[in-house]
Amino acid sequence: MRKIRLYVLVGAFSLLPTVIVIITSRHPGTGPHSVTLTWHAPQALRGITVVGYNIYRRAAEGTSFIKIADKVSGAPYEDRLVSSGRKYFYVVTSVDEVGRESRFSQEATADIP
Protein backbone atom coordinates (compact mmCIF):
# COMPACT_ATOMS: atom_id res chain seq x y z
CA MET A 1 0.00 0.00 0.00
CA ARG A 2 1.43 3.37 -1.02
CA LYS A 3 0.70 6.51 0.98
CA ILE A 4 1.42 10.09 -0.01
CA ARG A 5 1.20 12.71 2.71
CA LEU A 6 0.54 16.37 2.03
CA TYR A 7 0.59 18.67 5.04
CA VAL A 8 -1.39 21.88 4.79
CA LEU A 9 -1.11 24.50 7.50
CA VAL A 10 -3.66 27.23 8.01
CA GLY A 11 -3.42 30.70 9.46
CA ALA A 12 -4.05 31.80 13.00
CA PHE A 13 -7.86 32.13 12.73
CA SER A 14 -8.81 30.07 15.76
CA LEU A 15 -11.76 28.11 14.36
CA LEU A 16 -9.87 26.81 11.33
CA PRO A 17 -8.63 23.23 11.43
CA THR A 18 -5.22 22.27 10.05
CA VAL A 19 -5.79 19.73 7.26
CA ILE A 20 -3.57 16.79 6.29
CA VAL A 21 -4.32 14.72 3.16
CA ILE A 22 -3.22 11.08 2.80
CA ILE A 23 -3.72 9.38 -0.57
CA THR A 24 -3.91 5.60 -0.35
CA SER A 25 -3.84 3.14 -3.22
CA ARG A 26 -3.45 -0.62 -3.03
CA HIS A 27 -1.97 -0.97 -6.51
CA PRO A 28 -0.79 2.32 -8.05
CA GLY A 29 -2.59 3.01 -11.31
CA THR A 30 -5.21 0.29 -10.83
CA GLY A 31 -7.12 1.29 -7.66
CA PRO A 32 -9.05 1.14 -5.52
CA HIS A 33 -8.01 4.52 -4.22
CA SER A 34 -9.12 6.64 -1.32
CA VAL A 35 -8.20 9.98 0.18
CA THR A 36 -7.96 10.21 3.94
CA LEU A 37 -8.30 13.67 5.40
CA THR A 38 -7.13 14.29 8.90
CA TRP A 39 -6.83 17.55 10.77
CA HIS A 40 -5.76 19.14 14.00
CA ALA A 41 -8.56 20.68 16.02
CA PRO A 42 -8.59 24.47 16.09
CA GLN A 43 -7.30 26.37 19.08
CA ALA A 44 -9.92 26.53 21.85
CA LEU A 45 -11.72 29.80 22.46
CA ARG A 46 -13.57 30.62 25.65
CA GLY A 47 -17.32 30.31 25.08
CA ILE A 48 -17.02 28.37 21.80
CA THR A 49 -17.18 24.59 21.60
CA VAL A 50 -16.43 22.87 18.31
CA VAL A 51 -18.88 19.99 17.89
CA GLY A 52 -18.01 18.80 14.39
CA TYR A 53 -16.42 19.41 11.03
CA ASN A 54 -17.82 19.76 7.52
CA ILE A 55 -15.81 18.34 4.61
CA TYR A 56 -15.96 19.91 1.15
CA ARG A 57 -14.54 18.72 -2.17
CA ARG A 58 -14.29 19.95 -5.74
CA ALA A 59 -12.91 18.10 -8.75
CA ALA A 60 -11.74 21.05 -10.83
CA GLU A 61 -10.11 24.40 -10.16
CA GLY A 62 -12.50 27.31 -10.45
CA THR A 63 -15.59 25.27 -9.54
CA SER A 64 -17.53 25.49 -6.30
CA PHE A 65 -16.90 23.23 -3.35
CA ILE A 66 -19.60 20.66 -2.57
CA LYS A 67 -20.18 19.43 0.97
CA ILE A 68 -19.45 15.69 1.10
CA ALA A 69 -19.71 15.19 4.86
CA ASP A 70 -21.67 17.05 7.52
CA LYS A 71 -20.76 17.46 11.20
CA VAL A 72 -18.12 14.74 11.28
CA SER A 73 -17.20 14.27 14.94
CA GLY A 74 -13.46 14.27 14.32
CA ALA A 75 -10.58 13.11 12.19
CA PRO A 76 -9.92 11.13 10.12
CA TYR A 77 -12.41 11.17 7.25
CA GLU A 78 -11.99 8.81 4.30
CA ASP A 79 -13.26 9.76 0.84
CA ARG A 80 -13.65 6.53 -1.13
CA LEU A 81 -15.45 8.14 -4.06
CA VAL A 82 -12.32 9.14 -5.98
CA SER A 83 -11.21 8.06 -9.43
CA SER A 84 -7.78 7.20 -10.80
CA GLY A 85 -6.10 9.98 -12.77
CA ARG A 86 -8.18 12.76 -11.19
CA LYS A 87 -7.21 15.69 -9.00
CA TYR A 88 -9.35 16.66 -6.04
CA PHE A 89 -9.38 19.73 -3.82
CA TYR A 90 -10.54 19.64 -0.19
CA VAL A 91 -11.33 22.08 2.58
CA VAL A 92 -12.60 21.51 6.11
CA THR A 93 -14.63 23.80 8.35
CA SER A 94 -15.35 23.73 12.08
CA VAL A 95 -18.92 23.86 13.38
CA ASP A 96 -19.73 25.11 16.88
CA GLU A 97 -22.55 24.17 19.25
CA VAL A 98 -24.99 26.70 17.77
CA GLY A 99 -24.27 25.73 14.16
CA ARG A 100 -21.87 28.51 13.22
CA GLU A 101 -19.36 27.39 10.62
CA SER A 102 -15.79 28.66 10.30
CA ARG A 103 -14.24 29.85 7.08
CA PHE A 104 -12.72 27.20 4.83
CA SER A 105 -9.38 25.81 5.89
CA GLN A 106 -6.51 26.21 3.50
CA GLU A 107 -7.14 24.05 0.44
CA ALA A 108 -5.53 20.61 0.30
CA THR A 109 -4.97 18.88 -3.05
CA ALA A 110 -4.93 15.17 -3.81
CA ASP A 111 -3.67 13.78 -7.14
CA ILE A 112 -4.96 10.24 -7.53
CA PRO A 113 -2.48 7.96 -9.33
C-alpha atoms as a PDB file:
ATOM      1  CA  MET A   1       0.000   0.000   0.000  1.00  0.00           C
ATOM      2  CA  ARG A   2       1.431   3.372  -1.019  1.00  0.00           C
ATOM      3  CA  LYS A   3       0.703   6.513   0.978  1.00  0.00           C
ATOM      4  CA  ILE A   4       1.419  10.088  -0.011  1.00  0.00           C
ATOM      5  CA  ARG A   5       1.195  12.707   2.705  1.00  0.00           C
ATOM      6  CA  LEU A   6       0.536  16.374   2.030  1.00  0.00           C
ATOM      7  CA  TYR A   7       0.589  18.665   5.037  1.00  0.00           C
ATOM      8  CA  VAL A   8      -1.394  21.883   4.793  1.00  0.00           C
ATOM      9  CA  LEU A   9      -1.110  24.503   7.499  1.00  0.00           C
ATOM     10  CA  VAL A  10      -3.664  27.231   8.011  1.00  0.00           C
ATOM     11  CA  GLY A  11      -3.418  30.701   9.457  1.00  0.00           C
ATOM     12  CA  ALA A  12      -4.053  31.802  12.999  1.00  0.00           C
ATOM     13  CA  PHE A  13      -7.858  32.129  12.728  1.00  0.00           C
ATOM     14  CA  SER A  14      -8.815  30.071  15.763  1.00  0.00           C
ATOM     15  CA  LEU A  15     -11.759  28.105  14.361  1.00  0.00           C
ATOM     16  CA  LEU A  16      -9.869  26.805  11.328  1.00  0.00           C
ATOM     17  CA  PRO A  17      -8.626  23.234  11.433  1.00  0.00           C
ATOM     18  CA  THR A  18      -5.220  22.274  10.047  1.00  0.00           C
ATOM     19  CA  VAL A  19      -5.794  19.734   7.263  1.00  0.00           C
ATOM     20  CA  ILE A  20      -3.568  16.789   6.287  1.00  0.00           C
ATOM     21  CA  VAL A  21      -4.324  14.716   3.164  1.00  0.00           C
ATOM     22  CA  ILE A  22      -3.220  11.085   2.802  1.00  0.00           C
ATOM     23  CA  ILE A  23      -3.723   9.376  -0.565  1.00  0.00           C
ATOM     24  CA  THR A  24      -3.907   5.605  -0.347  1.00  0.00           C
ATOM     25  CA  SER A  25      -3.837   3.142  -3.220  1.00  0.00           C
ATOM     26  CA  ARG A  26      -3.452  -0.618  -3.027  1.00  0.00           C
ATOM     27  CA  HIS A  27      -1.967  -0.969  -6.506  1.00  0.00           C
ATOM     28  CA  PRO A  28      -0.791   2.324  -8.047  1.00  0.00           C
ATOM     29  CA  GLY A  29      -2.586   3.009 -11.311  1.00  0.00           C
ATOM     30  CA  THR A  30      -5.214   0.293 -10.830  1.00  0.00           C
ATOM     31  CA  GLY A  31      -7.116   1.286  -7.664  1.00  0.00           C
ATOM     32  CA  PRO A  32      -9.046   1.144  -5.518  1.00  0.00           C
ATOM     33  CA  HIS A  33      -8.010   4.523  -4.217  1.00  0.00           C
ATOM     34  CA  SER A  34      -9.120   6.642  -1.317  1.00  0.00           C
ATOM     35  CA  VAL A  35      -8.202   9.979   0.177  1.00  0.00           C
ATOM     36  CA  THR A  36      -7.962  10.213   3.941  1.00  0.00           C
ATOM     37  CA  LEU A  37      -8.296  13.672   5.403  1.00  0.00           C
ATOM     38  CA  THR A  38      -7.126  14.288   8.904  1.00  0.00           C
ATOM     39  CA  TRP A  39      -6.832  17.549  10.772  1.00  0.00           C
ATOM     40  CA  HIS A  40      -5.764  19.141  13.996  1.00  0.00           C
ATOM     41  CA  ALA A  41      -8.561  20.679  16.024  1.00  0.00           C
ATOM     42  CA  PRO A  42      -8.592  24.469  16.092  1.00  0.00           C
ATOM     43  CA  GLN A  43      -7.297  26.365  19.077  1.00  0.00           C
ATOM     44  CA  ALA A  44      -9.917  26.530  21.853  1.00  0.00           C
ATOM     45  CA  LEU A  45     -11.720  29.801  22.457  1.00  0.00           C
ATOM     46  CA  ARG A  46     -13.571  30.623  25.651  1.00  0.00           C
ATOM     47  CA  GLY A  47     -17.316  30.306  25.075  1.00  0.00           C
ATOM     48  CA  ILE A  48     -17.016  28.373  21.795  1.00  0.00           C
ATOM     49  CA  THR A  49     -17.182  24.595  21.600  1.00  0.00           C
ATOM     50  CA  VAL A  50     -16.427  22.873  18.306  1.00  0.00           C
ATOM     51  CA  VAL A  51     -18.882  19.990  17.888  1.00  0.00           C
ATOM     52  CA  GLY A  52     -18.013  18.804  14.389  1.00  0.00           C
ATOM     53  CA  TYR A  53     -16.425  19.408  11.029  1.00  0.00           C
ATOM     54  CA  ASN A  54     -17.818  19.759   7.518  1.00  0.00           C
ATOM     55  CA  ILE A  55     -15.807  18.336   4.610  1.00  0.00           C
ATOM     56  CA  TYR A  56     -15.961  19.909   1.151  1.00  0.00           C
ATOM     57  CA  ARG A  57     -14.536  18.724  -2.174  1.00  0.00           C
ATOM     58  CA  ARG A  58     -14.286  19.946  -5.743  1.00  0.00           C
ATOM     59  CA  ALA A  59     -12.914  18.096  -8.745  1.00  0.00           C
ATOM     60  CA  ALA A  60     -11.735  21.054 -10.830  1.00  0.00           C
ATOM     61  CA  GLU A  61     -10.114  24.401 -10.158  1.00  0.00           C
ATOM     62  CA  GLY A  62     -12.498  27.306 -10.453  1.00  0.00           C
ATOM     63  CA  THR A  63     -15.589  25.269  -9.541  1.00  0.00           C
ATOM     64  CA  SER A  64     -17.535  25.493  -6.301  1.00  0.00           C
ATOM     65  CA  PHE A  65     -16.899  23.232  -3.346  1.00  0.00           C
ATOM     66  CA  ILE A  66     -19.596  20.659  -2.568  1.00  0.00           C
ATOM     67  CA  LYS A  67     -20.176  19.429   0.975  1.00  0.00           C
ATOM     68  CA  ILE A  68     -19.449  15.690   1.095  1.00  0.00           C
ATOM     69  CA  ALA A  69     -19.715  15.186   4.862  1.00  0.00           C
ATOM     70  CA  ASP A  70     -21.671  17.053   7.517  1.00  0.00           C
ATOM     71  CA  LYS A  71     -20.760  17.460  11.201  1.00  0.00           C
ATOM     72  CA  VAL A  72     -18.116  14.739  11.280  1.00  0.00           C
ATOM     73  CA  SER A  73     -17.199  14.268  14.938  1.00  0.00           C
ATOM     74  CA  GLY A  74     -13.459  14.268  14.317  1.00  0.00           C
ATOM     75  CA  ALA A  75     -10.585  13.115  12.191  1.00  0.00           C
ATOM     76  CA  PRO A  76      -9.918  11.127  10.123  1.00  0.00           C
ATOM     77  CA  TYR A  77     -12.409  11.167   7.252  1.00  0.00           C
ATOM     78  CA  GLU A  78     -11.986   8.807   4.297  1.00  0.00           C
ATOM     79  CA  ASP A  79     -13.259   9.760   0.840  1.00  0.00           C
ATOM     80  CA  ARG A  80     -13.651   6.526  -1.132  1.00  0.00           C
ATOM     81  CA  LEU A  81     -15.447   8.135  -4.065  1.00  0.00           C
ATOM     82  CA  VAL A  82     -12.325   9.139  -5.985  1.00  0.00           C
ATOM     83  CA  SER A  83     -11.205   8.061  -9.435  1.00  0.00           C
ATOM     84  CA  SER A  84      -7.782   7.199 -10.801  1.00  0.00           C
ATOM     85  CA  GLY A  85      -6.103   9.975 -12.766  1.00  0.00           C
ATOM     86  CA  ARG A  86      -8.176  12.764 -11.188  1.00  0.00           C
ATOM     87  CA  LYS A  87      -7.208  15.695  -9.001  1.00  0.00           C
ATOM     88  CA  TYR A  88      -9.355  16.657  -6.036  1.00  0.00           C
ATOM     89  CA  PHE A  89      -9.379  19.730  -3.817  1.00  0.00           C
ATOM     90  CA  TYR A  90     -10.538  19.638  -0.194  1.00  0.00           C
ATOM     91  CA  VAL A  91     -11.332  22.085   2.577  1.00  0.00           C
ATOM     92  CA  VAL A  92     -12.604  21.511   6.111  1.00  0.00           C
ATOM     93  CA  THR A  93     -14.634  23.800   8.346  1.00  0.00           C
ATOM     94  CA  SER A  94     -15.349  23.734  12.078  1.00  0.00           C
ATOM     95  CA  VAL A  95     -18.921  23.860  13.377  1.00  0.00           C
ATOM     96  CA  ASP A  96     -19.725  25.112  16.876  1.00  0.00           C
ATOM     97  CA  GLU A  97     -22.555  24.168  19.252  1.00  0.00           C
ATOM     98  CA  VAL A  98     -24.995  26.701  17.774  1.00  0.00           C
ATOM     99  CA  GLY A  99     -24.272  25.733  14.162  1.00  0.00           C
ATOM    100  CA  ARG A 100     -21.872  28.513  13.219  1.00  0.00           C
ATOM    101  CA  GLU A 101     -19.356  27.390  10.622  1.00  0.00           C
ATOM    102  CA  SER A 102     -15.795  28.662  10.297  1.00  0.00           C
ATOM    103  CA  ARG A 103     -14.239  29.846   7.083  1.00  0.00           C
ATOM    104  CA  PHE A 104     -12.724  27.199   4.827  1.00  0.00           C
ATOM    105  CA  SER A 105      -9.379  25.807   5.891  1.00  0.00           C
ATOM    106  CA  GLN A 106      -6.509  26.211   3.498  1.00  0.00           C
ATOM    107  CA  GLU A 107      -7.140  24.046   0.443  1.00  0.00           C
ATOM    108  CA  ALA A 108      -5.530  20.606   0.300  1.00  0.00           C
ATOM    109  CA  THR A 109      -4.967  18.883  -3.046  1.00  0.00           C
ATOM    110  CA  ALA A 110      -4.931  15.173  -3.808  1.00  0.00           C
ATOM    111  CA  ASP A 111      -3.670  13.781  -7.144  1.00  0.00           C
ATOM    112  CA  ILE A 112      -4.959  10.245  -7.527  1.00  0.00           C
ATOM    113  CA  PRO A 113      -2.484   7.957  -9.334  1.00  0.00           C
END
